[in-house]
Amino acid sequence: MKFIEGYGLFLTGKRIEQGLTIKRLSEKTGVPIRNIENIERGDGKGWSLDNLTKYLKGLKIPLSEISPEDGIIFECKRAGK
């Protein structure tokens, strides 16, 4: 599962606006640095919905702020397709 193009950059911008480093956000939320990096790259590896929820909570961003009108924020592919 990975973000539709652009969401990782959006989230990185929000973190930077708040003056937080990845390390500080990790300490604040308990989300491992590697997972934060993967979230911000939009990479589908190494992060979970639980970590994304903690990430957003740490930045005080409601899920509705990153959810587009069509509600699609993730791109999922079945293995082998």
PDB file of N, CA and C in Angstrom:
ATOM      1  N   MET A   1       0.856  -1.174   0.000  1.00  0.00           N
ATOM      2  CA  MET A   1       0.000   0.000   0.000  1.00  0.00           C
ATOM      3  C   MET A   1       0.896   1.228   0.000  1.00  0.00           C
ATOM      4  N   LYS A   2       0.633   2.145  -0.891  1.00  0.00           N
ATOM      5  CA  LYS A   2       1.384   3.394  -0.902  1.00  0.00           C
ATOM      6  C   LYS A   2       0.423   4.547  -1.156  1.00  0.00           C
ATOM      7  N   PHE A   3       0.886   5.734  -0.813  1.00  0.00           N
ATOM      8  CA  PHE A   3       0.063   6.918  -1.031  1.00  0.00           C
ATOM      9  C   PHE A   3      -0.065   7.223  -2.517  1.00  0.00           C
ATOM     10  N   ILE A   4      -1.215   7.791  -2.876  1.00  0.00           N
ATOM     11  CA  ILE A   4      -1.350   8.349  -4.211  1.00  0.00           C
ATOM     12  C   ILE A   4      -0.330   9.488  -4.297  1.00  0.00           C
ATOM     13  N   GLU A   5       0.226   9.709  -5.468  1.00  0.00           N
ATOM     14  CA  GLU A   5       1.279  10.704  -5.671  1.00  0.00           C
ATOM     15  C   GLU A   5       0.981  12.039  -4.990  1.00  0.00           C
ATOM     16  N   GLY A   6       1.963  12.551  -4.294  1.00  0.00           N
ATOM     17  CA  GLY A   6       1.859  13.880  -3.698  1.00  0.00           C
ATOM     18  C   GLY A   6       1.590  13.912  -2.204  1.00  0.00           C
ATOM     19  N   TYR A   7       1.019  12.853  -1.645  1.00  0.00           N
ATOM     20  CA  TYR A   7       0.685  12.888  -0.217  1.00  0.00           C
ATOM     21  C   TYR A   7       1.926  12.870   0.668  1.00  0.00           C
ATOM     22  N   GLY A   8       2.933  12.125   0.288  1.00  0.00           N
ATOM     23  CA  GLY A   8       4.165  12.095   1.079  1.00  0.00           C
ATOM     24  C   GLY A   8       4.801  13.465   1.181  1.00  0.00           C
ATOM     25  N   LEU A   9       4.847  14.174   0.055  1.00  0.00           N
ATOM     26  CA  LEU A   9       5.408  15.529   0.061  1.00  0.00           C
ATOM     27  C   LEU A   9       4.551  16.482   0.880  1.00  0.00           C
ATOM     28  N   PHE A  10       3.250  16.334   0.803  1.00  0.00           N
ATOM     29  CA  PHE A  10       2.336  17.150   1.594  1.00  0.00           C
ATOM     30  C   PHE A  10       2.623  16.966   3.080  1.00  0.00           C
ATOM     31  N   LEU A  11       2.770  15.707   3.510  1.00  0.00           N
ATOM     32  CA  LEU A  11       3.014  15.423   4.920  1.00  0.00           C
ATOM     33  C   LEU A  11       4.390  15.916   5.365  1.00  0.00           C
ATOM     34  N   THR A  12       5.391  15.770   4.511  1.00  0.00           N
ATOM     35  CA  THR A  12       6.719  16.296   4.830  1.00  0.00           C
ATOM     36  C   THR A  12       6.645  17.802   5.049  1.00  0.00           C
ATOM     37  N   GLY A  13       5.934  18.491   4.178  1.00  0.00           N
ATOM     38  CA  GLY A  13       5.766  19.937   4.307  1.00  0.00           C
ATOM     39  C   GLY A  13       5.098  20.321   5.621  1.00  0.00           C
ATOM     40  N   LYS A  14       4.092  19.572   6.028  1.00  0.00           N
ATOM     41  CA  LYS A  14       3.398  19.839   7.290  1.00  0.00           C
ATOM     42  C   LYS A  14       4.349  19.676   8.480  1.00  0.00           C
ATOM     43  N   ARG A  15       5.183  18.648   8.440  1.00  0.00           N
ATOM     44  CA  ARG A  15       6.146  18.428   9.523  1.00  0.00           C
ATOM     45  C   ARG A  15       7.151  19.576   9.594  1.00  0.00           C
ATOM     46  N   ILE A  16       7.657  19.966   8.457  1.00  0.00           N
ATOM     47  CA  ILE A  16       8.637  21.045   8.401  1.00  0.00           C
ATOM     48  C   ILE A  16       8.014  22.369   8.855  1.00  0.00           C
ATOM     49  N   GLU A  17       6.769  22.639   8.444  1.00  0.00           N
ATOM     50  CA  GLU A  17       6.064  23.854   8.879  1.00  0.00           C
ATOM     51  C   GLU A  17       6.005  23.949  10.401  1.00  0.00           C
ATOM     52  N   GLN A  18       5.907  22.796  11.055  1.00  0.00           N
ATOM     53  CA  GLN A  18       5.811  22.769  12.508  1.00  0.00           C
ATOM     54  C   GLN A  18       7.181  22.750  13.183  1.00  0.00           C
ATOM     55  N   GLY A  19       8.233  22.815  12.377  1.00  0.00           N
ATOM     56  CA  GLY A  19       9.582  22.881  12.910  1.00  0.00           C
ATOM     57  C   GLY A  19      10.075  21.580  13.524  1.00  0.00           C
ATOM     58  N   LEU A  20       9.521  20.467  13.100  1.00  0.00           N
ATOM     59  CA  LEU A  20       9.906  19.172  13.651  1.00  0.00           C
ATOM     60  C   LEU A  20      10.854  18.428  12.720  1.00  0.00           C
ATOM     61  N   THR A  21      11.903  17.870  13.292  1.00  0.00           N
ATOM     62  CA  THR A  21      12.759  16.962  12.532  1.00  0.00           C
ATOM     63  C   THR A  21      12.103  15.586  12.561  1.00  0.00           C
ATOM     64  N   ILE A  22      12.572  14.714  11.701  1.00  0.00           N
ATOM     65  CA  ILE A  22      12.057  13.345  11.712  1.00  0.00           C
ATOM     66  C   ILE A  22      12.362  12.705  13.068  1.00  0.00           C
ATOM     67  N   LYS A  23      13.560  12.951  13.583  1.00  0.00           N
ATOM     68  CA  LYS A  23      13.940  12.376  14.874  1.00  0.00           C
ATOM     69  C   LYS A  23      13.006  12.857  15.984  1.00  0.00           C
ATOM     70  N   ARG A  24      12.718  14.146  16.021  1.00  0.00           N
ATOM     71  CA  ARG A  24      11.852  14.691  17.070  1.00  0.00           C
ATOM     72  C   ARG A  24      10.430  14.145  16.948  1.00  0.00           C
ATOM     73  N   LEU A  25       9.914  14.037  15.724  1.00  0.00           N
ATOM     74  CA  LEU A  25       8.577  13.488  15.519  1.00  0.00           C
ATOM     75  C   LEU A  25       8.533  12.022  15.955  1.00  0.00           C
ATOM     76  N   SER A  26       9.611  11.298  15.689  1.00  0.00           N
ATOM     77  CA  SER A  26       9.695   9.905  16.118  1.00  0.00           C
ATOM     78  C   SER A  26       9.626   9.805  17.642  1.00  0.00           C
ATOM     79  N   GLU A  27      10.377  10.658  18.316  1.00  0.00           N
ATOM     80  CA  GLU A  27      10.369  10.668  19.785  1.00  0.00           C
ATOM     81  C   GLU A  27       8.983  11.023  20.324  1.00  0.00           C
ATOM     82  N   LYS A  28       8.335  11.970  19.677  1.00  0.00           N
ATOM     83  CA  LYS A  28       7.023  12.460  20.115  1.00  0.00           C
ATOM     84  C   LYS A  28       5.915  11.424  19.921  1.00  0.00           C
ATOM     85  N   THR A  29       6.005  10.643  18.844  1.00  0.00           N
ATOM     86  CA  THR A  29       4.918   9.740  18.471  1.00  0.00           C
ATOM     87  C   THR A  29       5.188   8.267  18.752  1.00  0.00           C
ATOM     88  N   GLY A  30       6.462   7.902  18.888  1.00  0.00           N
ATOM     89  CA  GLY A  30       6.811   6.491  19.034  1.00  0.00           C
ATOM     90  C   GLY A  30       6.883   5.756  17.709  1.00  0.00           C
ATOM     91  N   VAL A  31       6.725   6.483  16.605  1.00  0.00           N
ATOM     92  CA  VAL A  31       6.838   5.880  15.272  1.00  0.00           C
ATOM     93  C   VAL A  31       8.327   5.842  14.906  1.00  0.00           C
ATOM     94  N   PRO A  32       8.854   4.676  14.559  1.00  0.00           N
ATOM     95  CA  PRO A  32      10.274   4.588  14.212  1.00  0.00           C
ATOM     96  C   PRO A  32      10.653   5.527  13.063  1.00  0.00           C
ATOM     97  N   ILE A  33      11.876   6.040  13.133  1.00  0.00           N
ATOM     98  CA  ILE A  33      12.376   6.966  12.106  1.00  0.00           C
ATOM     99  C   ILE A  33      12.202   6.382  10.714  1.00  0.00           C
ATOM    100  N   ARG A  34      12.541   5.122  10.539  1.00  0.00           N
ATOM    101  CA  ARG A  34      12.437   4.474   9.223  1.00  0.00           C
ATOM    102  C   ARG A  34      10.997   4.541   8.703  1.00  0.00           C
ATOM    103  N   ASN A  35      10.025   4.329   9.588  1.00  0.00           N
ATOM    104  CA  ASN A  35       8.621   4.368   9.173  1.00  0.00           C
ATOM    105  C   ASN A  35       8.210   5.784   8.771  1.00  0.00           C
ATOM    106  N   ILE A  36       8.681   6.775   9.504  1.00  0.00           N
ATOM    107  CA  ILE A  36       8.375   8.165   9.140  1.00  0.00           C
ATOM    108  C   ILE A  36       8.961   8.479   7.767  1.00  0.00           C
ATOM    109  N   GLU A  37      10.190   8.057   7.539  1.00  0.00           N
ATOM    110  CA  GLU A  37      10.814   8.271   6.225  1.00  0.00           C
ATOM    111  C   GLU A  37       9.995   7.605   5.121  1.00  0.00           C
ATOM    112  N   ASN A  38       9.525   6.395   5.367  1.00  0.00           N
ATOM    113  CA  ASN A  38       8.721   5.686   4.364  1.00  0.00           C
ATOM    114  C   ASN A  38       7.379   6.373   4.129  1.00  0.00           C
ATOM    115  N   ILE A  39       6.740   6.852   5.195  1.00  0.00           N
ATOM    116  CA  ILE A  39       5.480   7.587   5.054  1.00  0.00           C
ATOM    117  C   ILE A  39       5.701   8.814   4.179  1.00  0.00           C
ATOM    118  N   GLU A  40       6.761   9.562   4.469  1.00  0.00           N
ATOM    119  CA  GLU A  40       7.006  10.805   3.737  1.00  0.00           C
ATOM    120  C   GLU A  40       7.448  10.580   2.306  1.00  0.00           C
ATOM    121  N   ARG A  41       8.026   9.424   2.018  1.00  0.00           N
ATOM    122  CA  ARG A  41       8.366   9.081   0.629  1.00  0.00           C
ATOM    123  C   ARG A  41       7.156   8.540  -0.111  1.00  0.00           C
ATOM    124  N   GLY A  42       6.108   8.202   0.653  1.00  0.00           N
ATOM    125  CA  GLY A  42       4.942   7.583   0.032  1.00  0.00           C
ATOM    126  C   GLY A  42       5.188   6.127  -0.266  1.00  0.00           C
ATOM    127  N   ASP A  43       6.239   5.581   0.310  1.00  0.00           N
ATOM    128  CA  ASP A  43       6.639   4.198   0.084  1.00  0.00           C
ATOM    129  C   ASP A  43       5.666   3.247   0.770  1.00  0.00           C
ATOM    130  N   GLY A  44       5.363   2.167   0.142  1.00  0.00           N
ATOM    131  CA  GLY A  44       4.445   1.202   0.717  1.00  0.00           C
ATOM    132  C   GLY A  44       5.088   0.232   1.680  1.00  0.00           C
ATOM    133  N   LYS A  45       6.392   0.350   1.878  1.00  0.00           N
ATOM    134  CA  LYS A  45       7.098  -0.610   2.719  1.00  0.00           C
ATOM    135  C   LYS A  45       7.308  -0.063   4.126  1.00  0.00           C
ATOM    136  N   GLY A  46       7.146  -0.926   5.105  1.00  0.00           N
ATOM    137  CA  GLY A  46       7.598  -0.630   6.449  1.00  0.00           C
ATOM    138  C   GLY A  46       6.755   0.296   7.295  1.00  0.00           C
ATOM    139  N   TRP A  47       5.538   0.556   6.923  1.00  0.00           N
ATOM    140  CA  TRP A  47       4.686   1.357   7.799  1.00  0.00           C
ATOM    141  C   TRP A  47       3.285   0.793   7.783  1.00  0.00           C
ATOM    142  N   SER A  48       2.544   1.135   8.818  1.00  0.00           N
ATOM    143  CA  SER A  48       1.196   0.609   8.972  1.00  0.00           C
ATOM    144  C   SER A  48       0.206   1.752   9.144  1.00  0.00           C
ATOM    145  N   LEU A  49      -1.046   1.428   9.066  1.00  0.00           N
ATOM    146  CA  LEU A  49      -2.080   2.428   9.297  1.00  0.00           C
ATOM    147  C   LEU A  49      -1.988   2.961  10.725  1.00  0.00           C
ATOM    148  N   ASP A  50      -1.603   2.097  11.655  1.00  0.00           N
ATOM    149  CA  ASP A  50      -1.415   2.520  13.051  1.00  0.00           C
ATOM    150  C   ASP A  50      -0.314   3.581  13.142  1.00  0.00           C
ATOM    151  N   ASN A  51       0.808   3.349  12.462  1.00  0.00           N
ATOM    152  CA  ASN A  51       1.888   4.336  12.472  1.00  0.00           C
ATOM    153  C   ASN A  51       1.478   5.627  11.774  1.00  0.00           C
ATOM    154  N   LEU A  52       0.722   5.524  10.694  1.00  0.00           N
ATOM    155  CA  LEU A  52       0.244   6.728  10.013  1.00  0.00           C
ATOM    156  C   LEU A  52      -0.669   7.533  10.939  1.00  0.00           C
ATOM    157  N   THR A  53      -1.529   6.840  11.667  1.00  0.00           N
ATOM    158  CA  THR A  53      -2.431   7.508  12.605  1.00  0.00           C
ATOM    159  C   THR A  53      -1.638   8.235  13.684  1.00  0.00           C
ATOM    160  N   LYS A  54      -0.614   7.592  14.228  1.00  0.00           N
ATOM    161  CA  LYS A  54       0.240   8.227  15.239  1.00  0.00           C
ATOM    162  C   LYS A  54       0.983   9.422  14.636  1.00  0.00           C
ATOM    163  N   TYR A  55       1.469   9.266  13.426  1.00  0.00           N
ATOM    164  CA  TYR A  55       2.170  10.346  12.716  1.00  0.00           C
ATOM    165  C   TYR A  55       1.259  11.562  12.597  1.00  0.00           C
ATOM    166  N   LEU A  56       0.038  11.341  12.096  1.00  0.00           N
ATOM    167  CA  LEU A  56      -0.909  12.441  11.922  1.00  0.00           C
ATOM    168  C   LEU A  56      -1.275  13.083  13.256  1.00  0.00           C
ATOM    169  N   LYS A  57      -1.465  12.267  14.273  1.00  0.00           N
ATOM    170  CA  LYS A  57      -1.800  12.788  15.599  1.00  0.00           C
ATOM    171  C   LYS A  57      -0.651  13.645  16.134  1.00  0.00           C
ATOM    172  N   GLY A  58       0.581  13.203  15.914  1.00  0.00           N
ATOM    173  CA  GLY A  58       1.757  13.960  16.346  1.00  0.00           C
ATOM    174  C   GLY A  58       1.850  15.324  15.695  1.00  0.00           C
ATOM    175  N   LEU A  59       1.328  15.429  14.487  1.00  0.00           N
ATOM    176  CA  LEU A  59       1.326  16.707  13.771  1.00  0.00           C
ATOM    177  C   LEU A  59       0.000  17.446  13.913  1.00  0.00           C
ATOM    178  N   LYS A  60      -0.926  16.849  14.662  1.00  0.00           N
ATOM    179  CA  LYS A  60      -2.257  17.429  14.867  1.00  0.00           C
ATOM    180  C   LYS A  60      -2.966  17.674  13.530  1.00  0.00           C
ATOM    181  N   ILE A  61      -2.875  16.672  12.662  1.00  0.00           N
ATOM    182  CA  ILE A  61      -3.522  16.721  11.350  1.00  0.00           C
ATOM    183  C   ILE A  61      -4.667  15.710  11.354  1.00  0.00           C
ATOM    184  N   PRO A  62      -5.905  16.169  11.197  1.00  0.00           N
ATOM    185  CA  PRO A  62      -7.005  15.207  11.106  1.00  0.00           C
ATOM    186  C   PRO A  62      -6.942  14.454   9.772  1.00  0.00           C
ATOM    187  N   LEU A  63      -7.333  13.195   9.803  1.00  0.00           N
ATOM    188  CA  LEU A  63      -7.327  12.396   8.579  1.00  0.00           C
ATOM    189  C   LEU A  63      -8.130  13.083   7.480  1.00  0.00           C
ATOM    190  N   SER A  64      -9.176  13.787   7.855  1.00  0.00           N
ATOM    191  CA  SER A  64     -10.013  14.478   6.861  1.00  0.00           C
ATOM    192  C   SER A  64      -9.225  15.533   6.088  1.00  0.00           C
ATOM    193  N   GLU A  65      -8.149  16.057   6.663  1.00  0.00           N
ATOM    194  CA  GLU A  65      -7.350  17.069   5.966  1.00  0.00           C
ATOM    195  C   GLU A  65      -6.536  16.475   4.828  1.00  0.00           C
ATOM    196  N   ILE A  66      -6.220  15.189   4.920  1.00  0.00           N
ATOM    197  CA  ILE A  66      -5.445  14.582   3.828  1.00  0.00           C
ATOM    198  C   ILE A  66      -6.308  13.723   2.921  1.00  0.00           C
ATOM    199  N   SER A  67      -7.593  13.620   3.246  1.00  0.00           N
ATOM    200  CA  SER A  67      -8.487  12.780   2.461  1.00  0.00           C
ATOM    201  C   SER A  67      -9.168  13.607   1.367  1.00  0.00           C
ATOM    202  N   PRO A  68      -8.942  13.273   0.102  1.00  0.00           N
ATOM    203  CA  PRO A  68      -9.586  14.001  -0.988  1.00  0.00           C
ATOM    204  C   PRO A  68     -11.078  13.678  -1.068  1.00  0.00           C
ATOM    205  N   GLU A  69     -11.771  14.415  -1.897  1.00  0.00           N
ATOM    206  CA  GLU A  69     -13.215  14.229  -2.036  1.00  0.00           C
ATOM    207  C   GLU A  69     -13.605  12.803  -2.394  1.00  0.00           C
ATOM    208  N   ASP A  70     -12.799  12.146  -3.228  1.00  0.00           N
ATOM    209  CA  ASP A  70     -13.142  10.773  -3.607  1.00  0.00           C
ATOM    210  C   ASP A  70     -12.750   9.756  -2.534  1.00  0.00           C
ATOM    211  N   GLY A  71     -12.050  10.230  -1.486  1.00  0.00           N
ATOM    212  CA  GLY A  71     -11.689   9.365  -0.370  1.00  0.00           C
ATOM    213  C   GLY A  71     -10.516   8.442  -0.625  1.00  0.00           C
ATOM    214  N   ILE A  72      -9.887   8.547  -1.783  1.00  0.00           N
ATOM    215  CA  ILE A  72      -8.791   7.638  -2.119  1.00  0.00           C
ATOM    216  C   ILE A  72      -7.454   8.302  -1.813  1.00  0.00           C
ATOM    217  N   ILE A  73      -6.755   7.774  -0.817  1.00  0.00           N
ATOM    218  CA  ILE A  73      -5.428   8.294  -0.514  1.00  0.00           C
ATOM    219  C   ILE A  73      -4.358   7.220  -0.681  1.00  0.00           C
ATOM    220  N   PHE A  74      -4.775   5.972  -0.845  1.00  0.00           N
ATOM    221  CA  PHE A  74      -3.826   4.882  -0.994  1.00  0.00           C
ATOM    222  C   PHE A  74      -4.008   4.185  -2.331  1.00  0.00           C
ATOM    223  N   GLU A  75      -2.922   3.663  -2.821  1.00  0.00           N
ATOM    224  CA  GLU A  75      -2.943   2.841  -4.020  1.00  0.00           C
ATOM    225  C   GLU A  75      -2.543   1.438  -3.578  1.00  0.00           C
ATOM    226  N   CYS A  76      -3.409   0.475  -3.750  1.00  0.00           N
ATOM    227  CA  CYS A  76      -3.123  -0.904  -3.319  1.00  0.00           C
ATOM    228  C   CYS A  76      -3.073  -1.813  -4.534  1.00  0.00           C
ATOM    229  N   LYS A  77      -2.100  -2.708  -4.524  1.00  0.00           N
ATOM    230  CA  LYS A  77      -1.991  -3.677  -5.603  1.00  0.00           C
ATOM    231  C   LYS A  77      -1.890  -5.060  -4.996  1.00  0.00           C
ATOM    232  N   ARG A  78      -2.509  -6.011  -5.640  1.00  0.00           N
ATOM    233  CA  ARG A  78      -2.389  -7.401  -5.197  1.00  0.00           C
ATOM    234  C   ARG A  78      -1.035  -7.936  -5.611  1.00  0.00           C
ATOM    235  N   ALA A  79      -0.520  -8.822  -4.801  1.00  0.00           N
ATOM    236  CA  ALA A  79       0.759  -9.439  -5.112  1.00  0.00           C
ATOM    237  C   ALA A  79       0.698 -10.099  -6.487  1.00  0.00           C
ATOM    238  N   GLY A  80       1.743  -9.893  -7.260  1.00  0.00           N
ATOM    239  CA  GLY A  80       1.815 -10.527  -8.574  1.00  0.00           C
ATOM    240  C   GLY A  80       1.062  -9.790  -9.666  1.00  0.00           C
ATOM    241  N   LYS A  81       0.504  -8.628  -9.352  1.00  0.00           N
ATOM    242  CA  LYS A  81      -0.239  -7.887 -10.388  1.00  0.00           C
ATOM    243  C   LYS A  81       0.370  -6.546 -10.618  1.00  0.00           C
TER     244      LYS A  81
END
